């Protein structure tokens, strides 16, 4: 008596779709990542008495707000696609 076993391989495209959605989220988040990069790049621990958290929330609060709102917008737009690709894998 033979039993039929079915193995799922990544050749059906679901893994590729998952990677494509994840890469799209990363690419769409580039402006938010750039805003965070600007915060880290302009912070100078030797020239200031404020910590990185104080610097980010006071001097660069606009960049933080932009990064959080933009990333939230990107996740809102692409999360259903990511969840569907994850469930189909």
N, C-alpha and C. Protein backbone atom coordinates (compact mmCIF):
# COMPACT_ATOMS: atom_id res chain seq x y z
N UNK A 1 0.85 -1.16 0.00
CA UNK A 1 0.00 0.00 0.00
C UNK A 1 0.90 1.23 0.00
N UNK A 2 0.75 1.98 -1.00
CA UNK A 2 1.57 3.18 -1.14
C UNK A 2 0.79 4.39 -0.65
N UNK A 3 1.49 5.22 0.06
CA UNK A 3 0.85 6.47 0.51
C UNK A 3 1.44 7.62 -0.29
N UNK A 4 0.59 8.53 -0.63
CA UNK A 4 1.04 9.66 -1.43
C UNK A 4 1.43 10.80 -0.49
N UNK A 5 2.64 11.24 -0.65
CA UNK A 5 3.09 12.38 0.15
C UNK A 5 3.33 13.54 -0.78
N UNK A 6 2.97 14.68 -0.32
CA UNK A 6 3.16 15.89 -1.13
C UNK A 6 4.04 16.84 -0.35
N UNK A 7 5.11 17.21 -0.94
CA UNK A 7 5.98 18.18 -0.28
C UNK A 7 5.85 19.50 -1.00
N UNK A 8 5.82 20.56 -0.22
CA UNK A 8 5.73 21.89 -0.79
C UNK A 8 7.13 22.42 -1.04
N UNK A 9 7.33 22.83 -2.21
CA UNK A 9 8.64 23.38 -2.54
C UNK A 9 8.50 24.86 -2.79
N UNK A 10 9.61 25.54 -2.81
CA UNK A 10 9.59 26.97 -3.05
C UNK A 10 9.47 27.29 -4.53
N UNK A 11 9.33 26.27 -5.36
CA UNK A 11 9.24 26.52 -6.79
C UNK A 11 7.86 27.01 -7.21
N UNK A 12 6.88 26.96 -6.31
CA UNK A 12 5.55 27.42 -6.69
C UNK A 12 5.41 28.93 -6.63
N UNK A 13 6.44 29.64 -6.22
CA UNK A 13 6.43 31.09 -6.29
C UNK A 13 6.01 31.80 -5.02
N UNK A 14 5.56 31.07 -4.00
CA UNK A 14 5.11 31.75 -2.80
C UNK A 14 6.26 32.38 -2.03
N UNK A 15 7.39 31.72 -2.01
CA UNK A 15 8.54 32.31 -1.33
C UNK A 15 9.03 33.54 -2.08
N UNK A 16 9.02 33.45 -3.38
CA UNK A 16 9.40 34.61 -4.18
C UNK A 16 8.45 35.77 -4.00
N UNK A 17 7.15 35.44 -3.88
CA UNK A 17 6.17 36.50 -3.65
C UNK A 17 6.37 37.14 -2.28
N UNK A 18 6.67 36.33 -1.28
CA UNK A 18 6.93 36.85 0.05
C UNK A 18 8.15 37.77 0.05
N UNK A 19 9.20 37.36 -0.63
CA UNK A 19 10.40 38.19 -0.73
C UNK A 19 10.13 39.47 -1.51
N UNK A 20 9.30 39.38 -2.53
CA UNK A 20 8.97 40.56 -3.33
C UNK A 20 8.20 41.58 -2.49
N UNK A 21 7.25 41.11 -1.70
CA UNK A 21 6.48 42.02 -0.86
C UNK A 21 7.38 42.63 0.21
N UNK A 22 8.23 41.82 0.83
CA UNK A 22 9.14 42.34 1.85
C UNK A 22 10.11 43.37 1.25
N UNK A 23 10.61 43.10 0.06
CA UNK A 23 11.51 44.06 -0.59
C UNK A 23 10.77 45.34 -0.97
N UNK A 24 9.51 45.22 -1.36
CA UNK A 24 8.72 46.40 -1.67
C UNK A 24 8.50 47.25 -0.43
N UNK A 25 8.23 46.62 0.69
CA UNK A 25 8.06 47.36 1.94
C UNK A 25 9.36 48.07 2.30
N UNK A 26 10.47 47.39 2.16
CA UNK A 26 11.77 48.01 2.46
C UNK A 26 12.05 49.18 1.52
N UNK A 27 11.78 49.00 0.25
CA UNK A 27 12.01 50.06 -0.72
C UNK A 27 11.07 51.24 -0.49
N UNK A 28 9.81 50.96 -0.19
CA UNK A 28 8.85 52.03 0.07
C UNK A 28 9.16 52.76 1.37
N UNK A 29 9.87 52.12 2.27
CA UNK A 29 10.25 52.74 3.53
C UNK A 29 11.54 53.54 3.45
N UNK A 30 12.11 53.66 2.27
CA UNK A 30 13.38 54.37 2.10
C UNK A 30 13.34 55.80 2.63
N UNK A 31 12.29 56.58 2.41
CA UNK A 31 12.28 57.94 2.99
C UNK A 31 12.32 57.94 4.52
N UNK A 32 11.63 57.00 5.13
CA UNK A 32 11.66 56.92 6.59
C UNK A 32 13.04 56.48 7.08
N UNK A 33 13.63 55.53 6.38
CA UNK A 33 14.97 55.09 6.76
C UNK A 33 15.99 56.22 6.56
N UNK A 34 15.80 57.04 5.53
CA UNK A 34 16.69 58.16 5.31
C UNK A 34 16.54 59.19 6.43
N UNK A 35 15.32 59.42 6.90
CA UNK A 35 15.11 60.35 8.01
C UNK A 35 15.82 59.86 9.27
N UNK A 36 15.77 58.56 9.52
CA UNK A 36 16.48 58.01 10.68
C UNK A 36 18.00 58.11 10.48
N UNK A 37 18.45 57.91 9.24
CA UNK A 37 19.87 58.06 8.95
C UNK A 37 20.34 59.49 9.23
N UNK A 38 19.53 60.47 8.85
CA UNK A 38 19.90 61.87 9.10
C UNK A 38 20.03 62.13 10.60
N UNK A 39 19.15 61.56 11.39
CA UNK A 39 19.24 61.73 12.84
C UNK A 39 20.55 61.16 13.37
N UNK A 40 20.88 59.95 12.95
CA UNK A 40 22.11 59.32 13.44
C UNK A 40 23.36 60.02 12.89
N UNK A 41 23.27 60.52 11.68
CA UNK A 41 24.43 61.16 11.06
C UNK A 41 24.73 62.53 11.67
N UNK A 42 23.69 63.28 12.02
CA UNK A 42 23.90 64.63 12.54
C UNK A 42 24.15 64.66 14.04
N UNK A 43 23.91 63.55 14.72
CA UNK A 43 24.16 63.50 16.16
C UNK A 43 25.65 63.37 16.42
N UNK A 44 26.14 64.24 17.29
CA UNK A 44 27.55 64.21 17.65
C UNK A 44 27.65 64.07 19.17
N UNK A 45 28.01 62.91 19.67
CA UNK A 45 28.04 62.71 21.12
C UNK A 45 29.11 63.54 21.83
N UNK A 46 30.15 63.91 21.12
CA UNK A 46 31.20 64.70 21.76
C UNK A 46 30.87 66.18 21.79
N UNK A 47 30.07 66.65 20.86
CA UNK A 47 29.77 68.07 20.78
C UNK A 47 28.51 68.49 21.52
N UNK A 48 27.77 67.54 22.05
CA UNK A 48 26.52 67.87 22.70
C UNK A 48 26.44 67.18 24.05
N UNK A 49 25.65 67.78 24.92
CA UNK A 49 25.45 67.16 26.24
C UNK A 49 24.21 66.29 26.26
N UNK A 50 23.35 66.41 25.25
CA UNK A 50 22.12 65.64 25.20
C UNK A 50 22.39 64.22 24.70
N UNK A 51 21.59 63.30 25.17
CA UNK A 51 21.71 61.93 24.68
C UNK A 51 21.06 61.83 23.30
N UNK A 52 21.22 60.70 22.66
CA UNK A 52 20.64 60.50 21.33
C UNK A 52 19.12 60.59 21.40
N UNK A 53 18.52 60.05 22.42
CA UNK A 53 17.07 60.10 22.56
C UNK A 53 16.59 61.54 22.74
N UNK A 54 17.28 62.32 23.57
CA UNK A 54 16.92 63.73 23.75
C UNK A 54 17.10 64.51 22.45
N UNK A 55 18.17 64.25 21.76
CA UNK A 55 18.44 64.93 20.49
C UNK A 55 17.37 64.59 19.45
N UNK A 56 17.00 63.32 19.38
CA UNK A 56 16.02 62.89 18.39
C UNK A 56 14.63 63.44 18.70
N UNK A 57 14.28 63.55 19.97
CA UNK A 57 12.93 64.00 20.31
C UNK A 57 12.80 65.51 20.40
N UNK A 58 13.90 66.23 20.46
CA UNK A 58 13.80 67.69 20.52
C UNK A 58 14.24 68.32 19.21
N UNK A 59 15.49 68.21 18.87
CA UNK A 59 16.03 68.85 17.67
C UNK A 59 15.48 68.21 16.40
N UNK A 60 15.40 66.93 16.38
CA UNK A 60 14.98 66.21 15.17
C UNK A 60 13.59 65.62 15.30
N UNK A 61 12.72 66.25 16.04
CA UNK A 61 11.38 65.68 16.25
C UNK A 61 10.59 65.61 14.95
N UNK A 62 10.81 66.54 14.04
CA UNK A 62 10.13 66.48 12.76
C UNK A 62 10.52 65.25 11.96
N UNK A 63 11.80 64.89 12.01
CA UNK A 63 12.26 63.70 11.29
C UNK A 63 11.68 62.44 11.91
N UNK A 64 11.57 62.40 13.23
CA UNK A 64 10.98 61.24 13.90
C UNK A 64 9.51 61.11 13.54
N UNK A 65 8.79 62.21 13.58
CA UNK A 65 7.37 62.18 13.23
C UNK A 65 7.19 61.74 11.79
N UNK A 66 7.99 62.29 10.88
CA UNK A 66 7.91 61.89 9.48
C UNK A 66 8.19 60.40 9.32
N UNK A 67 9.24 59.90 9.95
CA UNK A 67 9.62 58.50 9.81
C UNK A 67 8.52 57.57 10.33
N UNK A 68 7.95 57.89 11.47
CA UNK A 68 6.90 57.04 12.04
C UNK A 68 5.65 57.07 11.17
N UNK A 69 5.23 58.25 10.75
CA UNK A 69 4.03 58.34 9.91
C UNK A 69 4.23 57.67 8.56
N UNK A 70 5.38 57.88 7.95
CA UNK A 70 5.62 57.27 6.64
C UNK A 70 5.67 55.75 6.74
N UNK A 71 6.36 55.24 7.75
CA UNK A 71 6.46 53.79 7.91
C UNK A 71 5.09 53.19 8.22
N UNK A 72 4.28 53.91 9.01
CA UNK A 72 2.92 53.44 9.28
C UNK A 72 2.08 53.40 8.02
N UNK A 73 2.24 54.39 7.17
CA UNK A 73 1.51 54.42 5.91
C UNK A 73 1.94 53.26 5.01
N UNK A 74 3.22 52.99 4.96
CA UNK A 74 3.72 51.89 4.13
C UNK A 74 3.20 50.55 4.66
N UNK A 75 3.25 50.36 5.96
CA UNK A 75 2.75 49.10 6.51
C UNK A 75 1.25 48.96 6.30
N UNK A 76 0.50 50.05 6.44
CA UNK A 76 -0.93 50.00 6.20
C UNK A 76 -1.22 49.61 4.76
N UNK A 77 -0.42 50.09 3.83
CA UNK A 77 -0.64 49.80 2.42
C UNK A 77 -0.23 48.38 2.04
N UNK A 78 0.84 47.88 2.60
CA UNK A 78 1.39 46.60 2.15
C UNK A 78 1.20 45.44 3.12
N UNK A 79 0.69 45.67 4.32
CA UNK A 79 0.57 44.58 5.29
C UNK A 79 -0.37 43.48 4.81
N UNK A 80 -1.53 43.77 4.20
CA UNK A 80 -2.37 42.68 3.72
C UNK A 80 -1.67 41.78 2.70
N UNK A 81 -0.89 42.36 1.82
CA UNK A 81 -0.15 41.56 0.84
C UNK A 81 0.90 40.70 1.52
N UNK A 82 1.57 41.27 2.50
CA UNK A 82 2.59 40.51 3.22
C UNK A 82 1.95 39.37 4.00
N UNK A 83 0.83 39.63 4.65
CA UNK A 83 0.15 38.58 5.41
C UNK A 83 -0.35 37.47 4.51
N UNK A 84 -0.88 37.82 3.35
CA UNK A 84 -1.36 36.81 2.42
C UNK A 84 -0.22 35.97 1.88
N UNK A 85 0.90 36.62 1.54
CA UNK A 85 2.06 35.88 1.04
C UNK A 85 2.63 34.99 2.13
N UNK A 86 2.60 35.45 3.37
CA UNK A 86 3.12 34.63 4.48
C UNK A 86 2.23 33.43 4.72
N UNK A 87 0.91 33.61 4.65
CA UNK A 87 -0.01 32.50 4.89
C UNK A 87 -0.01 31.49 3.75
N UNK A 88 0.31 31.93 2.55
CA UNK A 88 0.33 31.03 1.41
C UNK A 88 1.63 30.24 1.26
N UNK A 89 2.62 30.54 2.05
CA UNK A 89 3.90 29.88 1.86
C UNK A 89 3.89 28.44 2.26
